[in-house]
Amino acid sequence: MPRHLTADQLARLLTACEGDTPARVRDRAIVLLLTRLGLRAGDVQQLRLADLDWAHGTIRVTGKGRYQVRLPLPQDVGEAVARYLLSRPSRSETDRVFLSTIAPIAPLHSADAVPSIVARALARAGVHVARPGAHILRHTAATEMLRHGVSLDHIGLVLRHRSLDVSAYYAKVDVATLRQVAQPWPGRRS
């Protein structure tokens, strides 16, 4: 099964993104978008200022195949993005939300920009995974939603999956919880 972060690892990752430097403020906003909304790295990279609807507390995501969806923007994520926008370098010629933090300041263009940001944050947090990058946070988002009682149908809507099977693949079962509710096998003595 593909990996996801445990609650402890996720907490360590978020702690590793704390700080007042432009890079840390940006990294925290990106990690929260990935872990709370299950966005893809490309979704974050392509995010534009017009995609943020502050009045309605939503975010428009244009994913694979130009498929668009409007998702609720959780308060902690919105606060992190707003904090980043207040601290980011001003570049009036771009409407992209996330920019590089070193000169030349520009929108994140490289396909591996967001995965690299996540990999560096995981390293700072001391979280070692087989494939460090943004995609593990998509799996983590689905698993966390499942742990909090969100149905696979709703997880699929948030992750923009076309198949329930794909959502089930992303949303890993919480083995610890299963152990608590599992019934003994019939005919087996404990």
N, C-alpha and C. Protein backbone atom coordinates (compact mmCIF):
# COMPACT_ATOMS: atom_id res chain seq x y z
N MET A 1 0.83 -1.19 0.00
CA MET A 1 0.00 0.00 0.00
C MET A 1 0.87 1.25 0.00
N PRO A 2 0.52 2.23 -0.80
CA PRO A 2 1.28 3.48 -0.77
C PRO A 2 1.22 4.11 0.62
N ARG A 3 2.25 4.79 0.95
CA ARG A 3 2.38 5.36 2.28
C ARG A 3 1.60 6.65 2.44
N HIS A 4 1.36 6.96 3.70
CA HIS A 4 0.80 8.25 4.09
C HIS A 4 1.50 8.62 5.38
N LEU A 5 1.41 9.85 5.78
CA LEU A 5 2.04 10.29 7.02
C LEU A 5 1.12 9.98 8.19
N THR A 6 1.72 9.62 9.30
CA THR A 6 0.96 9.45 10.53
C THR A 6 0.63 10.84 11.08
N ALA A 7 -0.24 10.88 12.05
CA ALA A 7 -0.60 12.16 12.66
C ALA A 7 0.64 12.83 13.27
N ASP A 8 1.52 12.04 13.89
CA ASP A 8 2.74 12.58 14.47
C ASP A 8 3.67 13.13 13.40
N GLN A 9 3.84 12.40 12.31
CA GLN A 9 4.69 12.87 11.22
C GLN A 9 4.13 14.15 10.60
N LEU A 10 2.83 14.20 10.45
CA LEU A 10 2.20 15.40 9.89
C LEU A 10 2.41 16.60 10.81
N ALA A 11 2.27 16.39 12.10
CA ALA A 11 2.51 17.47 13.06
C ALA A 11 3.96 17.96 12.99
N ARG A 12 4.89 17.01 12.88
CA ARG A 12 6.31 17.38 12.75
C ARG A 12 6.57 18.16 11.47
N LEU A 13 5.91 17.75 10.38
CA LEU A 13 6.07 18.44 9.11
C LEU A 13 5.57 19.88 9.21
N LEU A 14 4.41 20.07 9.81
CA LEU A 14 3.87 21.42 9.96
C LEU A 14 4.75 22.27 10.87
N THR A 15 5.30 21.67 11.91
CA THR A 15 6.21 22.38 12.80
C THR A 15 7.46 22.82 12.04
N ALA A 16 7.94 21.96 11.14
CA ALA A 16 9.13 22.28 10.35
C ALA A 16 8.89 23.44 9.39
N CYS A 17 7.63 23.76 9.14
CA CYS A 17 7.29 24.86 8.23
C CYS A 17 6.95 26.14 8.98
N GLU A 18 7.10 26.14 10.29
CA GLU A 18 6.82 27.35 11.05
C GLU A 18 7.97 28.32 10.91
N GLY A 19 7.66 29.59 11.04
CA GLY A 19 8.69 30.61 10.99
C GLY A 19 8.19 31.83 10.25
N ASP A 20 9.04 32.87 10.23
CA ASP A 20 8.66 34.13 9.63
C ASP A 20 9.38 34.41 8.32
N THR A 21 10.29 33.55 7.92
CA THR A 21 10.98 33.79 6.66
C THR A 21 10.00 33.57 5.51
N PRO A 22 10.19 34.27 4.40
CA PRO A 22 9.27 34.09 3.27
C PRO A 22 9.15 32.62 2.83
N ALA A 23 10.26 31.89 2.84
CA ALA A 23 10.21 30.50 2.41
C ALA A 23 9.37 29.65 3.36
N ARG A 24 9.52 29.85 4.66
CA ARG A 24 8.76 29.05 5.63
C ARG A 24 7.27 29.38 5.58
N VAL A 25 6.94 30.65 5.42
CA VAL A 25 5.54 31.06 5.34
C VAL A 25 4.91 30.45 4.08
N ARG A 26 5.63 30.51 2.96
CA ARG A 26 5.15 29.90 1.72
C ARG A 26 5.01 28.39 1.87
N ASP A 27 6.04 27.75 2.42
CA ASP A 27 6.03 26.29 2.56
C ASP A 27 4.86 25.82 3.41
N ARG A 28 4.57 26.54 4.49
CA ARG A 28 3.44 26.15 5.36
C ARG A 28 2.12 26.23 4.59
N ALA A 29 1.93 27.30 3.83
CA ALA A 29 0.70 27.44 3.05
C ALA A 29 0.57 26.30 2.04
N ILE A 30 1.66 25.97 1.37
CA ILE A 30 1.65 24.89 0.39
C ILE A 30 1.35 23.55 1.05
N VAL A 31 2.02 23.25 2.15
CA VAL A 31 1.82 21.97 2.83
C VAL A 31 0.38 21.85 3.33
N LEU A 32 -0.19 22.93 3.83
CA LEU A 32 -1.58 22.88 4.29
C LEU A 32 -2.55 22.66 3.13
N LEU A 33 -2.31 23.28 1.99
CA LEU A 33 -3.17 23.05 0.82
C LEU A 33 -3.11 21.58 0.40
N LEU A 34 -1.93 21.01 0.46
CA LEU A 34 -1.75 19.61 0.05
C LEU A 34 -2.36 18.64 1.05
N THR A 35 -2.19 18.91 2.33
CA THR A 35 -2.64 17.95 3.35
C THR A 35 -4.10 18.11 3.74
N ARG A 36 -4.65 19.28 3.63
CA ARG A 36 -6.04 19.49 4.05
C ARG A 36 -7.02 19.36 2.88
N LEU A 37 -6.58 19.73 1.67
CA LEU A 37 -7.47 19.66 0.51
C LEU A 37 -7.07 18.57 -0.48
N GLY A 38 -5.94 17.93 -0.24
CA GLY A 38 -5.52 16.85 -1.13
C GLY A 38 -5.19 17.33 -2.53
N LEU A 39 -4.74 18.56 -2.65
CA LEU A 39 -4.41 19.07 -3.98
C LEU A 39 -3.20 18.35 -4.54
N ARG A 40 -3.10 18.32 -5.85
CA ARG A 40 -1.92 17.80 -6.53
C ARG A 40 -0.88 18.91 -6.57
N ALA A 41 0.38 18.53 -6.75
CA ALA A 41 1.46 19.51 -6.84
C ALA A 41 1.17 20.51 -7.96
N GLY A 42 0.70 20.02 -9.09
CA GLY A 42 0.38 20.91 -10.22
C GLY A 42 -0.74 21.87 -9.91
N ASP A 43 -1.71 21.42 -9.10
CA ASP A 43 -2.81 22.30 -8.69
C ASP A 43 -2.26 23.50 -7.93
N VAL A 44 -1.32 23.24 -7.03
CA VAL A 44 -0.73 24.30 -6.21
C VAL A 44 0.12 25.22 -7.08
N GLN A 45 0.92 24.62 -7.95
CA GLN A 45 1.81 25.40 -8.81
C GLN A 45 1.01 26.33 -9.73
N GLN A 46 -0.13 25.88 -10.22
CA GLN A 46 -0.92 26.65 -11.18
C GLN A 46 -1.92 27.61 -10.51
N LEU A 47 -2.01 27.58 -9.19
CA LEU A 47 -2.99 28.39 -8.47
C LEU A 47 -2.80 29.88 -8.76
N ARG A 48 -3.92 30.54 -9.07
CA ARG A 48 -3.90 31.97 -9.39
C ARG A 48 -4.67 32.75 -8.32
N LEU A 49 -4.35 34.01 -8.20
CA LEU A 49 -5.00 34.85 -7.20
C LEU A 49 -6.53 34.84 -7.37
N ALA A 50 -7.00 34.81 -8.60
CA ALA A 50 -8.45 34.82 -8.86
C ALA A 50 -9.12 33.52 -8.42
N ASP A 51 -8.34 32.47 -8.17
CA ASP A 51 -8.90 31.19 -7.73
C ASP A 51 -9.32 31.23 -6.26
N LEU A 52 -8.86 32.23 -5.54
CA LEU A 52 -9.19 32.37 -4.12
C LEU A 52 -10.38 33.30 -3.97
N ASP A 53 -11.48 32.77 -3.48
CA ASP A 53 -12.69 33.57 -3.26
C ASP A 53 -12.83 33.79 -1.75
N TRP A 54 -12.23 34.87 -1.29
CA TRP A 54 -12.21 35.14 0.15
C TRP A 54 -13.61 35.40 0.69
N ALA A 55 -14.46 36.04 -0.08
CA ALA A 55 -15.81 36.38 0.38
C ALA A 55 -16.63 35.12 0.68
N HIS A 56 -16.45 34.08 -0.11
CA HIS A 56 -17.21 32.85 0.08
C HIS A 56 -16.40 31.74 0.75
N GLY A 57 -15.13 32.01 1.02
CA GLY A 57 -14.28 31.01 1.68
C GLY A 57 -14.07 29.76 0.84
N THR A 58 -13.82 29.96 -0.46
CA THR A 58 -13.61 28.82 -1.35
C THR A 58 -12.36 29.02 -2.19
N ILE A 59 -11.96 27.92 -2.79
CA ILE A 59 -10.82 27.93 -3.70
C ILE A 59 -11.22 27.14 -4.94
N ARG A 60 -10.91 27.71 -6.10
CA ARG A 60 -11.19 27.02 -7.37
C ARG A 60 -9.93 26.29 -7.78
N VAL A 61 -10.09 25.01 -8.06
CA VAL A 61 -8.96 24.19 -8.46
C VAL A 61 -9.22 23.68 -9.87
N THR A 62 -8.26 23.90 -10.75
CA THR A 62 -8.34 23.38 -12.10
C THR A 62 -7.33 22.25 -12.20
N GLY A 63 -7.82 21.04 -12.28
CA GLY A 63 -6.94 19.88 -12.27
C GLY A 63 -6.77 19.26 -13.63
N LYS A 64 -6.55 17.96 -13.61
CA LYS A 64 -6.34 17.20 -14.84
C LYS A 64 -7.50 17.41 -15.80
N GLY A 65 -7.17 17.51 -17.07
CA GLY A 65 -8.20 17.66 -18.09
C GLY A 65 -8.99 18.96 -17.97
N ARG A 66 -8.39 19.96 -17.32
CA ARG A 66 -9.04 21.26 -17.10
C ARG A 66 -10.34 21.15 -16.32
N TYR A 67 -10.48 20.06 -15.58
CA TYR A 67 -11.65 19.84 -14.73
C TYR A 67 -11.57 20.81 -13.56
N GLN A 68 -12.61 21.64 -13.39
CA GLN A 68 -12.62 22.64 -12.32
C GLN A 68 -13.59 22.25 -11.22
N VAL A 69 -13.19 22.55 -10.01
CA VAL A 69 -14.05 22.33 -8.86
C VAL A 69 -13.79 23.46 -7.87
N ARG A 70 -14.82 23.82 -7.14
CA ARG A 70 -14.68 24.83 -6.09
C ARG A 70 -14.77 24.09 -4.76
N LEU A 71 -13.74 24.24 -3.93
CA LEU A 71 -13.66 23.56 -2.65
C LEU A 71 -13.72 24.57 -1.52
N PRO A 72 -14.28 24.16 -0.38
CA PRO A 72 -14.25 25.06 0.78
C PRO A 72 -12.80 25.26 1.23
N LEU A 73 -12.50 26.45 1.65
CA LEU A 73 -11.16 26.78 2.11
C LEU A 73 -11.17 26.76 3.64
N PRO A 74 -10.62 25.68 4.24
CA PRO A 74 -10.61 25.62 5.71
C PRO A 74 -9.90 26.85 6.29
N GLN A 75 -10.33 27.25 7.46
CA GLN A 75 -9.81 28.48 8.06
C GLN A 75 -8.30 28.46 8.23
N ASP A 76 -7.74 27.34 8.72
CA ASP A 76 -6.29 27.30 8.93
C ASP A 76 -5.53 27.42 7.61
N VAL A 77 -6.07 26.83 6.56
CA VAL A 77 -5.44 26.92 5.24
C VAL A 77 -5.56 28.35 4.71
N GLY A 78 -6.75 28.93 4.80
CA GLY A 78 -6.95 30.30 4.36
C GLY A 78 -6.05 31.28 5.09
N GLU A 79 -5.91 31.11 6.40
CA GLU A 79 -5.04 31.99 7.17
C GLU A 79 -3.59 31.86 6.73
N ALA A 80 -3.15 30.62 6.46
CA ALA A 80 -1.77 30.41 6.02
C ALA A 80 -1.52 31.03 4.65
N VAL A 81 -2.47 30.88 3.73
CA VAL A 81 -2.34 31.47 2.40
C VAL A 81 -2.36 32.99 2.49
N ALA A 82 -3.26 33.54 3.30
CA ALA A 82 -3.34 35.00 3.46
C ALA A 82 -2.04 35.54 4.06
N ARG A 83 -1.50 34.83 5.03
CA ARG A 83 -0.23 35.25 5.65
C ARG A 83 0.87 35.25 4.60
N TYR A 84 0.89 34.22 3.76
CA TYR A 84 1.89 34.18 2.70
C TYR A 84 1.71 35.35 1.74
N LEU A 85 0.48 35.61 1.32
CA LEU A 85 0.24 36.68 0.36
C LEU A 85 0.67 38.04 0.90
N LEU A 86 0.54 38.22 2.21
CA LEU A 86 0.97 39.48 2.82
C LEU A 86 2.50 39.60 2.87
N SER A 87 3.19 38.46 2.89
CA SER A 87 4.64 38.50 3.05
C SER A 87 5.41 38.22 1.76
N ARG A 88 4.71 37.78 0.72
CA ARG A 88 5.42 37.39 -0.50
C ARG A 88 5.94 38.61 -1.22
N PRO A 89 7.00 38.41 -2.00
CA PRO A 89 7.52 39.53 -2.79
C PRO A 89 6.45 40.03 -3.76
N SER A 90 6.36 41.32 -3.93
CA SER A 90 5.33 41.85 -4.83
C SER A 90 5.82 41.73 -6.27
N ARG A 91 4.98 41.11 -7.08
CA ARG A 91 5.25 40.94 -8.51
C ARG A 91 3.95 41.22 -9.22
N SER A 92 3.76 42.45 -9.64
CA SER A 92 2.49 42.83 -10.24
C SER A 92 2.25 42.17 -11.59
N GLU A 93 3.30 41.67 -12.26
CA GLU A 93 3.10 41.09 -13.57
C GLU A 93 2.68 39.62 -13.54
N THR A 94 2.49 39.05 -12.37
CA THR A 94 2.01 37.67 -12.31
C THR A 94 0.80 37.56 -11.39
N ASP A 95 -0.10 36.68 -11.77
CA ASP A 95 -1.26 36.43 -10.91
C ASP A 95 -1.14 35.06 -10.24
N ARG A 96 0.00 34.43 -10.36
CA ARG A 96 0.23 33.16 -9.68
C ARG A 96 0.39 33.42 -8.19
N VAL A 97 -0.14 32.51 -7.39
CA VAL A 97 -0.09 32.69 -5.95
C VAL A 97 1.32 32.45 -5.42
N PHE A 98 1.93 31.33 -5.80
CA PHE A 98 3.21 30.96 -5.18
C PHE A 98 4.39 31.30 -6.07
N LEU A 99 5.36 31.97 -5.45
CA LEU A 99 6.56 32.43 -6.13
C LEU A 99 7.80 31.82 -5.50
N SER A 100 8.89 31.85 -6.24
CA SER A 100 10.16 31.44 -5.67
C SER A 100 10.56 32.46 -4.61
N THR A 101 11.43 32.06 -3.72
CA THR A 101 11.85 32.99 -2.66
C THR A 101 13.27 33.48 -2.87
N ILE A 102 13.91 33.01 -3.91
CA ILE A 102 15.26 33.49 -4.22
C ILE A 102 15.25 34.12 -5.60
N ALA A 103 16.16 35.04 -5.81
CA ALA A 103 16.21 35.76 -7.08
C ALA A 103 16.57 34.80 -8.22
N PRO A 104 16.01 35.00 -9.37
CA PRO A 104 14.97 35.98 -9.67
C PRO A 104 13.61 35.50 -9.18
N ILE A 105 12.90 36.37 -8.52
CA ILE A 105 11.57 36.03 -7.99
C ILE A 105 10.64 35.83 -9.18
N ALA A 106 10.02 34.65 -9.22
CA ALA A 106 9.15 34.30 -10.34
C ALA A 106 8.17 33.23 -9.88
N PRO A 107 7.11 33.02 -10.65
CA PRO A 107 6.19 31.92 -10.31
C PRO A 107 6.94 30.59 -10.32
N LEU A 108 6.46 29.65 -9.55
CA LEU A 108 7.05 28.31 -9.55
C LEU A 108 6.77 27.68 -10.90
N HIS A 109 7.80 27.49 -11.73
CA HIS A 109 7.60 26.98 -13.08
C HIS A 109 7.98 25.52 -13.21
N SER A 110 9.00 25.10 -12.53
CA SER A 110 9.50 23.74 -12.67
C SER A 110 8.46 22.73 -12.19
N ALA A 111 8.34 21.62 -12.90
CA ALA A 111 7.37 20.58 -12.53
C ALA A 111 7.69 19.98 -11.17
N ASP A 112 8.94 20.07 -10.75
CA ASP A 112 9.30 19.49 -9.46
C ASP A 112 9.43 20.54 -8.35
N ALA A 113 8.97 21.77 -8.59
CA ALA A 113 9.10 22.83 -7.59
C ALA A 113 8.35 22.49 -6.31
N VAL A 114 7.06 22.15 -6.41
CA VAL A 114 6.27 21.85 -5.22
C VAL A 114 6.75 20.55 -4.57
N PRO A 115 6.98 19.46 -5.33
CA PRO A 115 7.51 18.26 -4.69
C PRO A 115 8.85 18.50 -3.98
N SER A 116 9.69 19.36 -4.55
CA SER A 116 10.97 19.68 -3.90
C SER A 116 10.78 20.45 -2.60
N ILE A 117 9.83 21.37 -2.59
CA ILE A 117 9.52 22.12 -1.37
C ILE A 117 9.08 21.15 -0.27
N VAL A 118 8.21 20.21 -0.63
CA VAL A 118 7.72 19.22 0.34
C VAL A 118 8.87 18.31 0.80
N ALA A 119 9.70 17.86 -0.12
CA ALA A 119 10.82 16.98 0.24
C ALA A 119 11.76 17.66 1.22
N ARG A 120 12.05 18.95 0.99
CA ARG A 120 12.92 19.69 1.91
C ARG A 120 12.26 19.85 3.29
N ALA A 121 10.96 20.10 3.29
CA ALA A 121 10.25 20.24 4.57
C ALA A 121 10.23 18.91 5.33
N LEU A 122 10.02 17.82 4.62
CA LEU A 122 10.05 16.49 5.26
C LEU A 122 11.43 16.22 5.85
N ALA A 123 12.48 16.59 5.14
CA ALA A 123 13.85 16.41 5.65
C ALA A 123 14.08 17.25 6.90
N ARG A 124 13.62 18.51 6.88
CA ARG A 124 13.75 19.37 8.07
C ARG A 124 13.02 18.77 9.26
N ALA A 125 11.88 18.12 8.99
CA ALA A 125 11.06 17.54 10.05
C ALA A 125 11.61 16.21 10.54
N GLY A 126 12.59 15.67 9.82
CA GLY A 126 13.12 14.36 10.19
C GLY A 126 12.15 13.23 9.86
N VAL A 127 11.29 13.45 8.89
CA VAL A 127 10.32 12.44 8.47
C VAL A 127 10.89 11.76 7.23
N HIS A 128 11.18 10.47 7.36
CA HIS A 128 11.78 9.72 6.27
C HIS A 128 10.72 8.82 5.65
N VAL A 129 10.49 9.01 4.36
CA VAL A 129 9.54 8.19 3.61
C VAL A 129 10.24 7.72 2.35
N ALA A 130 9.70 6.64 1.77
CA ALA A 130 10.32 6.06 0.59
C ALA A 130 10.35 7.05 -0.58
N ARG A 131 9.26 7.76 -0.77
CA ARG A 131 9.17 8.73 -1.87
C ARG A 131 8.76 10.09 -1.32
N PRO A 132 9.74 10.87 -0.85
CA PRO A 132 9.38 12.18 -0.30
C PRO A 132 8.93 13.11 -1.42
N GLY A 133 7.83 13.76 -1.22
CA GLY A 133 7.30 14.69 -2.22
C GLY A 133 5.86 15.03 -1.91
N ALA A 134 5.25 15.74 -2.82
CA ALA A 134 3.89 16.24 -2.60
C ALA A 134 2.83 15.14 -2.62
N HIS A 135 3.06 14.08 -3.39
CA HIS A 135 2.00 13.09 -3.57
C HIS A 135 1.66 12.34 -2.27
N ILE A 136 2.64 12.16 -1.41
CA ILE A 136 2.36 11.48 -0.14
C ILE A 136 1.37 12.29 0.69
N LEU A 137 1.36 13.60 0.50
CA LEU A 137 0.43 14.45 1.26
C LEU A 137 -0.99 14.33 0.73
N ARG A 138 -1.15 13.99 -0.54
CA ARG A 138 -2.48 13.72 -1.10
C ARG A 138 -3.04 12.44 -0.48
N HIS A 139 -2.20 11.44 -0.35
CA HIS A 139 -2.62 10.20 0.32
C HIS A 139 -2.94 10.48 1.80
N THR A 140 -2.13 11.32 2.42
CA THR A 140 -2.34 11.67 3.82
C THR A 140 -3.67 12.39 3.99
N ALA A 141 -3.99 13.30 3.08
CA ALA A 141 -5.27 14.04 3.16
C ALA A 141 -6.44 13.07 3.09
N ALA A 142 -6.38 12.13 2.16
CA ALA A 142 -7.47 11.16 2.02
C ALA A 142 -7.59 10.29 3.27
N THR A 143 -6.47 9.85 3.80
CA THR A 143 -6.47 9.01 4.99
C THR A 143 -7.03 9.76 6.19
N GLU A 144 -6.64 11.02 6.34
CA GLU A 144 -7.14 11.83 7.46
C GLU A 144 -8.65 12.05 7.34
N MET A 145 -9.14 12.28 6.11
CA MET A 145 -10.58 12.44 5.93
C MET A 145 -11.30 11.16 6.32
N LEU A 146 -10.77 10.02 5.92
CA LEU A 146 -11.37 8.74 6.27
C LEU A 146 -11.39 8.55 7.78
N ARG A 147 -10.30 8.89 8.45
CA ARG A 147 -10.21 8.77 9.91
C ARG A 147 -11.26 9.63 10.62
N HIS A 148 -11.61 10.73 9.99
CA HIS A 148 -12.59 11.64 10.59
C HIS A 148 -14.01 11.36 10.12
N GLY A 149 -14.22 10.20 9.52
CA GLY A 149 -15.56 9.76 9.19
C GLY A 149 -16.11 10.25 7.87
N VAL A 150 -15.28 10.82 7.02
CA VAL A 150 -15.74 11.27 5.71
C VAL A 150 -15.91 10.04 4.81
N SER A 151 -17.01 9.98 4.09
CA SER A 151 -17.27 8.83 3.22
C SER A 151 -16.34 8.84 2.02
N LEU A 152 -16.14 7.65 1.44
CA LEU A 152 -15.30 7.56 0.25
C LEU A 152 -15.85 8.40 -0.90
N ASP A 153 -17.18 8.48 -1.00
CA ASP A 153 -17.78 9.32 -2.05
C ASP A 153 -17.34 10.78 -1.90
N HIS A 154 -17.38 11.28 -0.67
CA HIS A 154 -16.99 12.68 -0.44
C HIS A 154 -15.49 12.88 -0.59
N ILE A 155 -14.71 11.88 -0.17
CA ILE A 155 -13.26 11.97 -0.38
C ILE A 155 -12.98 12.05 -1.87
N GLY A 156 -13.68 11.25 -2.65
CA GLY A 156 -13.52 11.27 -4.11
C GLY A 156 -13.87 12.62 -4.71
N LEU A 157 -14.89 13.27 -4.17
CA LEU A 157 -15.26 14.60 -4.66
C LEU A 157 -14.17 15.63 -4.37
N VAL A 158 -13.63 15.58 -3.16
CA VAL A 158 -12.58 16.52 -2.79
C VAL A 158 -11.32 16.28 -3.63
N LEU A 159 -10.95 15.00 -3.80
CA LEU A 159 -9.75 14.69 -4.56
C LEU A 159 -9.97 14.71 -6.07
N ARG A 160 -11.24 14.86 -6.47
CA ARG A 160 -11.60 14.92 -7.88
C ARG A 160 -11.30 13.62 -8.60
N HIS A 161 -11.68 12.52 -7.97
CA HIS A 161 -11.52 11.20 -8.59
C HIS A 161 -12.78 10.85 -9.36
N ARG A 162 -12.61 10.11 -10.42
CA ARG A 162 -13.76 9.67 -11.21
C ARG A 162 -14.23 8.30 -10.78
N SER A 163 -13.45 7.62 -9.95
CA SER A 163 -13.78 6.26 -9.54
C SER A 163 -13.66 6.12 -8.03
N LEU A 164 -14.62 5.43 -7.45
CA LEU A 164 -14.58 5.16 -6.01
C LEU A 164 -13.39 4.28 -5.66
N ASP A 165 -12.99 3.40 -6.58
CA ASP A 165 -11.83 2.53 -6.34
C ASP A 165 -10.56 3.34 -6.15
N VAL A 166 -10.42 4.41 -6.92
CA VAL A 166 -9.23 5.25 -6.79
C VAL A 166 -9.24 5.95 -5.43
N SER A 167 -10.40 6.42 -5.01
CA SER A 167 -10.49 7.07 -3.69
C SER A 167 -10.15 6.09 -2.59
N ALA A 168 -10.60 4.84 -2.71
CA ALA A 168 -10.29 3.82 -1.71
C ALA A 168 -8.79 3.55 -1.67
N TYR A 169 -8.15 3.60 -2.82
CA TYR A 169 -6.70 3.40 -2.90
C TYR A 169 -5.97 4.51 -2.15
N TYR A 170 -6.45 5.73 -2.29
CA TYR A 170 -5.83 6.86 -1.62
C TYR A 170 -6.10 6.88 -0.12
N ALA A 171 -7.29 6.54 0.27
CA ALA A 171 -7.70 6.62 1.68
C ALA A 171 -7.32 5.31 2.37
N LYS A 172 -6.20 5.30 3.03
CA LYS A 172 -5.72 4.10 3.69
C LYS A 172 -6.52 3.84 4.96
N VAL A 173 -6.67 2.60 5.26
CA VAL A 173 -7.40 2.19 6.45
C VAL A 173 -6.55 2.46 7.68
N ASP A 174 -7.17 2.95 8.72
CA ASP A 174 -6.51 3.18 9.99
C ASP A 174 -6.47 1.85 10.74
N VAL A 175 -5.34 1.16 10.66
CA VAL A 175 -5.20 -0.18 11.22
C VAL A 175 -5.41 -0.18 12.73
N ALA A 176 -4.94 0.85 13.42
CA ALA A 176 -5.11 0.91 14.87
C ALA A 176 -6.59 0.94 15.25
N THR A 177 -7.38 1.71 14.52
CA THR A 177 -8.81 1.77 14.80
C THR A 177 -9.47 0.44 14.47
N LEU A 178 -9.07 -0.19 13.38
CA LEU A 178 -9.63 -1.49 13.03
C LEU A 178 -9.36 -2.53 14.12
N ARG A 179 -8.19 -2.49 14.71
CA ARG A 179 -7.87 -3.45 15.78
C ARG A 179 -8.81 -3.28 16.97
N GLN A 180 -9.22 -2.04 17.24
CA GLN A 180 -10.10 -1.78 18.37
C GLN A 180 -11.51 -2.31 18.13
N VAL A 181 -11.96 -2.32 16.88
CA VAL A 181 -13.34 -2.72 16.59
C VAL A 181 -13.45 -4.12 16.01
N ALA A 182 -12.33 -4.75 15.72
CA ALA A 182 -12.36 -6.07 15.10
C ALA A 182 -12.91 -7.12 16.06
N GLN A 183 -13.69 -8.00 15.50
CA GLN A 183 -14.25 -9.12 16.27
C GLN A 183 -13.32 -10.32 16.12
N PRO A 184 -13.24 -11.17 17.16
CA PRO A 184 -12.39 -12.35 17.02
C PRO A 184 -12.93 -13.28 15.93
N TRP A 185 -12.02 -13.99 15.29
CA TRP A 185 -12.39 -14.94 14.26
C TRP A 185 -13.21 -16.07 14.87
N PRO A 186 -14.33 -16.45 14.26
CA PRO A 186 -15.16 -17.51 14.83
C PRO A 186 -14.37 -18.81 15.01
N GLY A 187 -14.55 -19.42 16.18
CA GLY A 187 -13.90 -20.69 16.47
C GLY A 187 -12.48 -20.57 16.97
N ARG A 188 -11.94 -19.35 17.01
CA ARG A 188 -10.57 -19.15 17.48
C ARG A 188 -10.62 -18.68 18.94
N ARG A 189 -9.82 -19.31 19.75
CA ARG A 189 -9.75 -18.89 21.17
C ARG A 189 -8.60 -17.94 21.35
N SER A 190 -8.85 -16.91 22.13
CA SER A 190 -7.81 -15.92 22.36
C SER A 190 -6.94 -16.29 23.52
